[in-house]
Amino acid sequence: MINNALDIAAAKQQLQIAGRVQIPQYLQDDAAHLLRQHLLHEVPWTLALRDADGSRTLDAETYRRMDNEARAALFKRTANAARGGGYHFAYDSYQMITAYQEGRDPGLLLHRILEFFNTPDYLAFARELTGEPAIRRIGAQATCYRRGQFLRQHSDEDQREGRLFAYVINLSQHWHADWGGLLHFVDTGGSITETFLPRWNALSLFRVPTEHLVSMVEPWADEERYAITGWMLR
C-alpha cells in the first residue's frame, strides 16, 4: 500500500529539523485511487462541528437529509460563532476508531485501512519515519472539507491520548491554493510560517503540539478536500 520508492531518510531528516514534512506520492498509485473512490462514493459521512453550542456530531442519516441550503446555513452559523475567537470547526467526518469498535458499516474499506495502520510492520515503519520509538498505535478518521467548512487554530495537544505526531494523507486530485483548505502552521507571534497544499497522495506529518489550522474552503472550489487523518500515539 505504501510507495516502496519513498526517500525515508530525507523525510526523517526534514521532520527532525523542522518538526514537519510533506512527503509526495505516499501511497502506491492504485491504492490512492481506490481509497479516493471509496471516500467519494461509499463513506456515510457525519458532520463534526463546534459552534456556539459546543462540540457535536450530526449523524449520517440526519446530515444526508439536509439539502445544500440548510448545510450552507449551518456552516455559516458555525463560522459566525468563531468570530469571538476560540476553537471552532465544521467538516465532514467518519470516525474510524469508533465505527470499528462499534462494528458499524462492516464492509467499508476504511476498516481495513485502520487495521493496516496498526499492524506491526506499519507501526515499525512509523517509528522509523519519525524517529520516535514510543509510537504504539495509530488513530484515524476520514475527513471531507466542503465549501464553507474550516478548522480554526489549535495545537492538537492532548496528554490523555498520548499524541506524538499528526498526519494527513491527502486524497484530492487537483487542488488549487486559492480554493482554501490549506494547512497553515502558525508561530507564537501569530504569523503563518509554512503552508502545506493538500497535494494529491501526499502525506503531511508534523510533531504534536504544533499550532496549525485548515483555512475555509472557498465557494469557487471545484472539488472537496478529502483525506485520512489522525495521530500517531504512544
C-alpha atoms as a PDB file:
ATOM      1  CA  MET A   1       0.000   0.000   0.000  1.00  0.00           C
ATOM      2  CA  ILE A   2       2.857   2.395   0.865  1.00  0.00           C
ATOM      3  CA  ASN A   3       5.053   3.539  -2.017  1.00  0.00           C
ATOM      4  CA  ASN A   4       8.236   1.470  -1.914  1.00  0.00           C
ATOM      5  CA  ALA A   5      10.251   4.268  -3.553  1.00  0.00           C
ATOM      6  CA  LEU A   6       9.882   6.783  -0.697  1.00  0.00           C
ATOM      7  CA  ASP A   7      13.066   8.513   0.463  1.00  0.00           C
ATOM      8  CA  ILE A   8      12.547   7.798   4.148  1.00  0.00           C
ATOM      9  CA  ALA A   9      15.951   9.124   5.220  1.00  0.00           C
ATOM     10  CA  ALA A  10      15.363  12.546   3.639  1.00  0.00           C
ATOM     11  CA  ALA A  11      11.842  12.811   5.053  1.00  0.00           C
ATOM     12  CA  LYS A  12      13.030  11.822   8.510  1.00  0.00           C
ATOM     13  CA  GLN A  13      15.802  14.422   8.417  1.00  0.00           C
ATOM     14  CA  GLN A  14      13.383  17.189   7.391  1.00  0.00           C
ATOM     15  CA  LEU A  15      10.944  16.165  10.115  1.00  0.00           C
ATOM     16  CA  GLN A  16      13.673  16.294  12.748  1.00  0.00           C
ATOM     17  CA  ILE A  17      14.869  19.721  11.583  1.00  0.00           C
ATOM     18  CA  ALA A  18      11.529  21.477  11.050  1.00  0.00           C
ATOM     19  CA  GLY A  19       9.099  19.388  13.081  1.00  0.00           C
ATOM     20  CA  ARG A  20       7.030  18.785   9.945  1.00  0.00           C
ATOM     21  CA  VAL A  21       7.367  17.373   6.455  1.00  0.00           C
ATOM     22  CA  GLN A  22       5.221  16.708   3.407  1.00  0.00           C
ATOM     23  CA  ILE A  23       6.010  13.509   1.532  1.00  0.00           C
ATOM     24  CA  PRO A  24       4.773  13.241  -2.092  1.00  0.00           C
ATOM     25  CA  GLN A  25       3.407  10.041  -3.632  1.00  0.00           C
ATOM     26  CA  TYR A  26       2.986   8.425  -0.230  1.00  0.00           C
ATOM     27  CA  LEU A  27       0.701   5.582  -1.268  1.00  0.00           C
ATOM     28  CA  GLN A  28       1.065   3.286  -4.231  1.00  0.00           C
ATOM     29  CA  ASP A  29      -0.877   4.869  -7.073  1.00  0.00           C
ATOM     30  CA  ASP A  30      -3.562   2.176  -7.336  1.00  0.00           C
ATOM     31  CA  ALA A  31      -4.136   2.289  -3.580  1.00  0.00           C
ATOM     32  CA  ALA A  32      -4.513   6.073  -3.590  1.00  0.00           C
ATOM     33  CA  HIS A  33      -7.092   5.994  -6.397  1.00  0.00           C
ATOM     34  CA  LEU A  34      -9.025   3.146  -4.764  1.00  0.00           C
ATOM     35  CA  LEU A  35      -9.137   4.964  -1.442  1.00  0.00           C
ATOM     36  CA  ARG A  36     -10.248   8.204  -3.094  1.00  0.00           C
ATOM     37  CA  GLN A  37     -13.124   6.454  -4.857  1.00  0.00           C
ATOM     38  CA  HIS A  38     -14.137   4.870  -1.566  1.00  0.00           C
ATOM     39  CA  LEU A  39     -14.291   8.286   0.113  1.00  0.00           C
ATOM     40  CA  LEU A  40     -16.255   9.778  -2.788  1.00  0.00           C
ATOM     41  CA  HIS A  41     -18.888   7.088  -3.125  1.00  0.00           C
ATOM     42  CA  GLU A  42     -19.113   4.739  -0.139  1.00  0.00           C
ATOM     43  CA  VAL A  43     -18.478   6.539   3.154  1.00  0.00           C
ATOM     44  CA  PRO A  44     -21.582   7.536   5.216  1.00  0.00           C
ATOM     45  CA  TRP A  45     -20.364  10.983   6.251  1.00  0.00           C
ATOM     46  CA  THR A  46     -21.310  12.637   9.509  1.00  0.00           C
ATOM     47  CA  LEU A  47     -20.820  16.335  10.258  1.00  0.00           C
ATOM     48  CA  ALA A  48     -18.376  17.303  13.001  1.00  0.00           C
ATOM     49  CA  LEU A  49     -18.821  20.844  14.238  1.00  0.00           C
ATOM     50  CA  ARG A  50     -18.067  23.112  17.156  1.00  0.00           C
ATOM     51  CA  ASP A  51     -20.171  26.267  17.269  1.00  0.00           C
ATOM     52  CA  ALA A  52     -21.850  28.422  19.922  1.00  0.00           C
ATOM     53  CA  ASP A  53     -23.472  25.285  21.371  1.00  0.00           C
ATOM     54  CA  GLY A  54     -20.179  23.409  21.727  1.00  0.00           C
ATOM     55  CA  SER A  55     -18.843  20.292  20.006  1.00  0.00           C
ATOM     56  CA  ARG A  56     -21.263  17.813  18.481  1.00  0.00           C
ATOM     57  CA  THR A  57     -21.722  15.425  15.578  1.00  0.00           C
ATOM     58  CA  LEU A  58     -24.686  15.191  13.227  1.00  0.00           C
ATOM     59  CA  ASP A  59     -25.321  11.530  12.458  1.00  0.00           C
ATOM     60  CA  ALA A  60     -25.077  10.324   8.881  1.00  0.00           C
ATOM     61  CA  GLU A  61     -28.839   9.998   8.305  1.00  0.00           C
ATOM     62  CA  THR A  62     -29.665  13.470   9.644  1.00  0.00           C
ATOM     63  CA  TYR A  63     -26.833  15.011   7.667  1.00  0.00           C
ATOM     64  CA  ARG A  64     -27.763  13.170   4.475  1.00  0.00           C
ATOM     65  CA  ARG A  65     -31.317  14.528   4.630  1.00  0.00           C
ATOM     66  CA  MET A  66     -30.168  18.159   4.815  1.00  0.00           C
ATOM     67  CA  ASP A  67     -30.299  19.985   1.498  1.00  0.00           C
ATOM     68  CA  ASN A  68     -27.433  22.175   0.303  1.00  0.00           C
ATOM     69  CA  GLU A  69     -29.125  25.353   1.518  1.00  0.00           C
ATOM     70  CA  ALA A  70     -29.568  24.020   5.053  1.00  0.00           C
ATOM     71  CA  ARG A  71     -25.989  22.787   5.132  1.00  0.00           C
ATOM     72  CA  ALA A  72     -24.617  26.124   3.938  1.00  0.00           C
ATOM     73  CA  ALA A  73     -26.645  27.954   6.591  1.00  0.00           C
ATOM     74  CA  LEU A  74     -25.286  25.677   9.306  1.00  0.00           C
ATOM     75  CA  PHE A  75     -21.699  26.169   8.135  1.00  0.00           C
ATOM     76  CA  LYS A  76     -22.247  29.936   8.126  1.00  0.00           C
ATOM     77  CA  ARG A  77     -23.633  29.904  11.688  1.00  0.00           C
ATOM     78  CA  THR A  78     -20.614  27.903  12.804  1.00  0.00           C
ATOM     79  CA  ALA A  79     -18.261  30.401  11.145  1.00  0.00           C
ATOM     80  CA  ASN A  80     -20.118  33.300  12.770  1.00  0.00           C
ATOM     81  CA  ALA A  81     -19.663  31.661  16.172  1.00  0.00           C
ATOM     82  CA  ALA A  82     -15.903  31.667  15.555  1.00  0.00           C
ATOM     83  CA  ARG A  83     -15.719  35.456  15.308  1.00  0.00           C
ATOM     84  CA  GLY A  84     -15.048  35.807  19.016  1.00  0.00           C
ATOM     85  CA  GLY A  85     -12.025  33.538  18.829  1.00  0.00           C
ATOM     86  CA  GLY A  86     -11.587  30.091  20.314  1.00  0.00           C
ATOM     87  CA  TYR A  87     -11.559  26.667  18.752  1.00  0.00           C
ATOM     88  CA  HIS A  88     -14.321  26.096  16.186  1.00  0.00           C
ATOM     89  CA  PHE A  89     -14.692  23.782  13.221  1.00  0.00           C
ATOM     90  CA  ALA A  90     -17.060  22.299  10.682  1.00  0.00           C
ATOM     91  CA  TYR A  91     -16.137  19.410   8.394  1.00  0.00           C
ATOM     92  CA  ASP A  92     -17.447  16.042   7.228  1.00  0.00           C
ATOM     93  CA  SER A  93     -16.065  13.182   9.260  1.00  0.00           C
ATOM     94  CA  TYR A  94     -16.109   9.416   9.568  1.00  0.00           C
ATOM     95  CA  GLN A  95     -14.680   8.421  12.948  1.00  0.00           C
ATOM     96  CA  MET A  96     -12.885   5.216  12.017  1.00  0.00           C
ATOM     97  CA  ILE A  97     -11.937   4.109  15.535  1.00  0.00           C
ATOM     98  CA  THR A  98     -15.442   4.483  16.967  1.00  0.00           C
ATOM     99  CA  ALA A  99     -17.112   2.878  13.952  1.00  0.00           C
ATOM    100  CA  TYR A 100     -14.696  -0.057  14.052  1.00  0.00           C
ATOM    101  CA  GLN A 101     -15.177  -0.637  17.770  1.00  0.00           C
ATOM    102  CA  GLU A 102     -18.967  -0.488  17.401  1.00  0.00           C
ATOM    103  CA  GLY A 103     -19.000  -2.824  14.404  1.00  0.00           C
ATOM    104  CA  ARG A 104     -20.684  -0.273  12.147  1.00  0.00           C
ATOM    105  CA  ASP A 105     -20.585  -0.424   8.341  1.00  0.00           C
ATOM    106  CA  PRO A 106     -18.627  -3.712   8.279  1.00  0.00           C
ATOM    107  CA  GLY A 107     -17.993  -3.663   4.533  1.00  0.00           C
ATOM    108  CA  LEU A 108     -16.129  -0.343   4.472  1.00  0.00           C
ATOM    109  CA  LEU A 109     -12.579  -0.317   3.146  1.00  0.00           C
ATOM    110  CA  LEU A 110     -11.775   2.210   5.890  1.00  0.00           C
ATOM    111  CA  HIS A 111     -11.878  -0.583   8.471  1.00  0.00           C
ATOM    112  CA  ARG A 112      -9.163  -2.471   6.601  1.00  0.00           C
ATOM    113  CA  ILE A 113      -7.116   0.747   6.425  1.00  0.00           C
ATOM    114  CA  LEU A 114      -7.339   1.166  10.199  1.00  0.00           C
ATOM    115  CA  GLU A 115      -6.254  -2.444  10.696  1.00  0.00           C
ATOM    116  CA  PHE A 116      -3.316  -1.905   8.340  1.00  0.00           C
ATOM    117  CA  PHE A 117      -2.200   1.226  10.196  1.00  0.00           C
ATOM    118  CA  ASN A 118      -1.955  -0.817  13.392  1.00  0.00           C
ATOM    119  CA  THR A 119      -0.075  -3.820  12.030  1.00  0.00           C
ATOM    120  CA  PRO A 120       3.405  -4.447  13.466  1.00  0.00           C
ATOM    121  CA  ASP A 121       5.008  -3.643  10.098  1.00  0.00           C
ATOM    122  CA  TYR A 122       3.294  -0.269   9.663  1.00  0.00           C
ATOM    123  CA  LEU A 123       3.918   0.735  13.277  1.00  0.00           C
ATOM    124  CA  ALA A 124       7.593  -0.125  12.807  1.00  0.00           C
ATOM    125  CA  PHE A 125       7.585   1.989   9.638  1.00  0.00           C
ATOM    126  CA  ALA A 126       6.028   4.913  11.552  1.00  0.00           C
ATOM    127  CA  ARG A 127       8.674   4.650  14.267  1.00  0.00           C
ATOM    128  CA  GLU A 128      11.435   4.613  11.650  1.00  0.00           C
ATOM    129  CA  LEU A 129       9.995   7.568   9.734  1.00  0.00           C
ATOM    130  CA  THR A 130       9.550   9.740  12.819  1.00  0.00           C
ATOM    131  CA  GLY A 131      12.486   8.501  14.878  1.00  0.00           C
ATOM    132  CA  GLU A 132      10.017   8.075  17.749  1.00  0.00           C
ATOM    133  CA  PRO A 133      10.229   4.620  19.392  1.00  0.00           C
ATOM    134  CA  ALA A 134       7.267   5.349  21.687  1.00  0.00           C
ATOM    135  CA  ILE A 135       4.651   5.028  18.905  1.00  0.00           C
ATOM    136  CA  ARG A 136       2.397   2.112  19.803  1.00  0.00           C
ATOM    137  CA  ARG A 137      -0.877   2.726  17.942  1.00  0.00           C
ATOM    138  CA  ILE A 138      -2.379   4.928  15.242  1.00  0.00           C
ATOM    139  CA  GLY A 139      -5.801   6.546  15.255  1.00  0.00           C
ATOM    140  CA  ALA A 140      -7.655   7.656  12.142  1.00  0.00           C
ATOM    141  CA  GLN A 141     -10.667   9.422  10.746  1.00  0.00           C
ATOM    142  CA  ALA A 142     -11.740  10.172   7.202  1.00  0.00           C
ATOM    143  CA  THR A 143     -12.428  13.837   6.504  1.00  0.00           C
ATOM    144  CA  CYS A 144     -14.046  15.833   3.738  1.00  0.00           C
ATOM    145  CA  TYR A 145     -13.939  19.630   3.749  1.00  0.00           C
ATOM    146  CA  ARG A 146     -16.686  21.145   1.596  1.00  0.00           C
ATOM    147  CA  ARG A 147     -17.219  24.767   0.616  1.00  0.00           C
ATOM    148  CA  GLY A 148     -17.627  26.859   3.766  1.00  0.00           C
ATOM    149  CA  GLN A 149     -16.004  24.303   6.081  1.00  0.00           C
ATOM    150  CA  PHE A 150     -12.893  25.009   8.172  1.00  0.00           C
ATOM    151  CA  LEU A 151     -10.781  24.133  11.214  1.00  0.00           C
ATOM    152  CA  ARG A 152      -9.593  27.012  13.394  1.00  0.00           C
ATOM    153  CA  GLN A 153      -6.175  27.282  15.002  1.00  0.00           C
ATOM    154  CA  HIS A 154      -5.233  24.729  17.660  1.00  0.00           C
ATOM    155  CA  SER A 155      -2.220  22.635  18.683  1.00  0.00           C
ATOM    156  CA  ASP A 156      -3.605  19.036  18.791  1.00  0.00           C
ATOM    157  CA  GLU A 157      -2.114  18.645  22.273  1.00  0.00           C
ATOM    158  CA  ASP A 158      -3.901  16.013  24.383  1.00  0.00           C
ATOM    159  CA  GLN A 159      -1.845  14.432  27.143  1.00  0.00           C
ATOM    160  CA  ARG A 160      -4.506  11.828  27.941  1.00  0.00           C
ATOM    161  CA  GLU A 161      -4.469  10.360  24.444  1.00  0.00           C
ATOM    162  CA  GLY A 162      -0.687  10.465  24.093  1.00  0.00           C
ATOM    163  CA  ARG A 163      -0.482  12.202  20.715  1.00  0.00           C
ATOM    164  CA  LEU A 164       3.058  12.294  19.305  1.00  0.00           C
ATOM    165  CA  PHE A 165       2.600  13.163  15.625  1.00  0.00           C
ATOM    166  CA  ALA A 166      -0.342  14.240  13.479  1.00  0.00           C
ATOM    167  CA  TYR A 167      -0.664  13.028   9.909  1.00  0.00           C
ATOM    168  CA  VAL A 168      -2.844  13.792   6.885  1.00  0.00           C
ATOM    169  CA  ILE A 169      -2.976  11.598   3.773  1.00  0.00           C
ATOM    170  CA  ASN A 170      -4.367  13.952   1.125  1.00  0.00           C
ATOM    171  CA  LEU A 171      -6.695  12.463  -1.479  1.00  0.00           C
ATOM    172  CA  SER A 172      -7.908  15.429  -3.536  1.00  0.00           C
ATOM    173  CA  GLN A 173      -6.525  15.274  -7.053  1.00  0.00           C
ATOM    174  CA  HIS A 174      -6.306  18.794  -8.474  1.00  0.00           C
ATOM    175  CA  TRP A 175      -6.299  21.205  -5.548  1.00  0.00           C
ATOM    176  CA  HIS A 176      -5.537  24.900  -6.110  1.00  0.00           C
ATOM    177  CA  ALA A 177      -4.121  27.200  -3.443  1.00  0.00           C
ATOM    178  CA  ASP A 178      -6.870  29.794  -3.885  1.00  0.00           C
ATOM    179  CA  TRP A 179      -9.532  27.185  -3.093  1.00  0.00           C
ATOM    180  CA  GLY A 180      -8.628  27.439   0.605  1.00  0.00           C
ATOM    181  CA  GLY A 181      -8.469  24.212   2.608  1.00  0.00           C
ATOM    182  CA  LEU A 182      -4.780  24.896   3.246  1.00  0.00           C
ATOM    183  CA  LEU A 183      -2.867  23.514   6.220  1.00  0.00           C
ATOM    184  CA  HIS A 184      -1.212  26.572   7.787  1.00  0.00           C
ATOM    185  CA  PHE A 185       1.410  26.396  10.544  1.00  0.00           C
ATOM    186  CA  VAL A 186       1.473  29.335  12.966  1.00  0.00           C
ATOM    187  CA  ASP A 187       4.245  30.620  15.254  1.00  0.00           C
ATOM    188  CA  THR A 188       3.917  32.098  18.748  1.00  0.00           C
ATOM    189  CA  GLY A 189       3.534  35.584  17.273  1.00  0.00           C
ATOM    190  CA  GLY A 190       0.543  34.551  15.186  1.00  0.00           C
ATOM    191  CA  SER A 191       2.351  34.570  11.832  1.00  0.00           C
ATOM    192  CA  ILE A 192       1.992  31.783   9.286  1.00  0.00           C
ATOM    193  CA  THR A 193       5.405  30.157   8.984  1.00  0.00           C
ATOM    194  CA  GLU A 194       4.645  27.480   6.390  1.00  0.00           C
ATOM    195  CA  THR A 195       1.711  26.203   4.372  1.00  0.00           C
ATOM    196  CA  PHE A 196       1.054  22.720   3.012  1.00  0.00           C
ATOM    197  CA  LEU A 197      -1.194  22.482  -0.034  1.00  0.00           C
ATOM    198  CA  PRO A 198      -3.348  19.312   0.135  1.00  0.00           C
ATOM    199  CA  ARG A 199      -1.461  17.798  -2.780  1.00  0.00           C
ATOM    200  CA  TRP A 200      -2.709  14.588  -4.311  1.00  0.00           C
ATOM    201  CA  ASN A 201      -1.414  11.494  -2.496  1.00  0.00           C
ATOM    202  CA  ALA A 202       0.916  13.473  -0.214  1.00  0.00           C
ATOM    203  CA  LEU A 203       1.456  12.736   3.473  1.00  0.00           C
ATOM    204  CA  SER A 204       1.591  15.806   5.714  1.00  0.00           C
ATOM    205  CA  LEU A 205       3.244  14.891   9.010  1.00  0.00           C
ATOM    206  CA  PHE A 206       4.044  17.091  12.000  1.00  0.00           C
ATOM    207  CA  ARG A 207       5.010  16.863  15.628  1.00  0.00           C
ATOM    208  CA  VAL A 208       2.426  17.481  18.364  1.00  0.00           C
ATOM    209  CA  PRO A 209       1.983  20.067  19.789  1.00  0.00           C
ATOM    210  CA  THR A 210       2.141  22.386  16.773  1.00  0.00           C
ATOM    211  CA  GLU A 211      -0.137  25.359  16.213  1.00  0.00           C
ATOM    212  CA  HIS A 212      -1.978  24.925  12.920  1.00  0.00           C
ATOM    213  CA  LEU A 213      -5.289  25.423  11.126  1.00  0.00           C
ATOM    214  CA  VAL A 214      -7.154  24.464   7.967  1.00  0.00           C
ATOM    215  CA  SER A 215      -8.383  27.548   6.120  1.00  0.00           C
ATOM    216  CA  MET A 216     -12.000  27.745   4.971  1.00  0.00           C
ATOM    217  CA  VAL A 217     -12.747  26.095   1.645  1.00  0.00           C
ATOM    218  CA  GLU A 218     -13.821  28.844  -0.744  1.00  0.00           C
ATOM    219  CA  PRO A 219     -17.130  28.949  -2.676  1.00  0.00           C
ATOM    220  CA  TRP A 220     -15.354  28.526  -6.031  1.00  0.00           C
ATOM    221  CA  ALA A 221     -13.526  25.309  -5.102  1.00  0.00           C
ATOM    222  CA  ASP A 222     -14.219  22.715  -7.809  1.00  0.00           C
ATOM    223  CA  GLU A 223     -13.939  19.676  -5.545  1.00  0.00           C
ATOM    224  CA  GLU A 224     -13.942  18.611  -1.926  1.00  0.00           C
ATOM    225  CA  ARG A 225     -10.835  18.233   0.219  1.00  0.00           C
ATOM    226  CA  TYR A 226     -10.630  14.514   1.052  1.00  0.00           C
ATOM    227  CA  ALA A 227      -8.138  12.975   3.471  1.00  0.00           C
ATOM    228  CA  ILE A 228      -7.380  10.295   6.013  1.00  0.00           C
ATOM    229  CA  THR A 229      -6.042  11.973   9.126  1.00  0.00           C
ATOM    230  CA  GLY A 230      -5.195  11.171  12.722  1.00  0.00           C
ATOM    231  CA  TRP A 231      -2.412  10.802  15.252  1.00  0.00           C
ATOM    232  CA  MET A 232       0.473   8.503  15.971  1.00  0.00           C
ATOM    233  CA  LEU A 233       0.068   7.680  19.654  1.00  0.00           C
ATOM    234  CA  ARG A 234       2.193   6.421  22.484  1.00  0.00           C
END
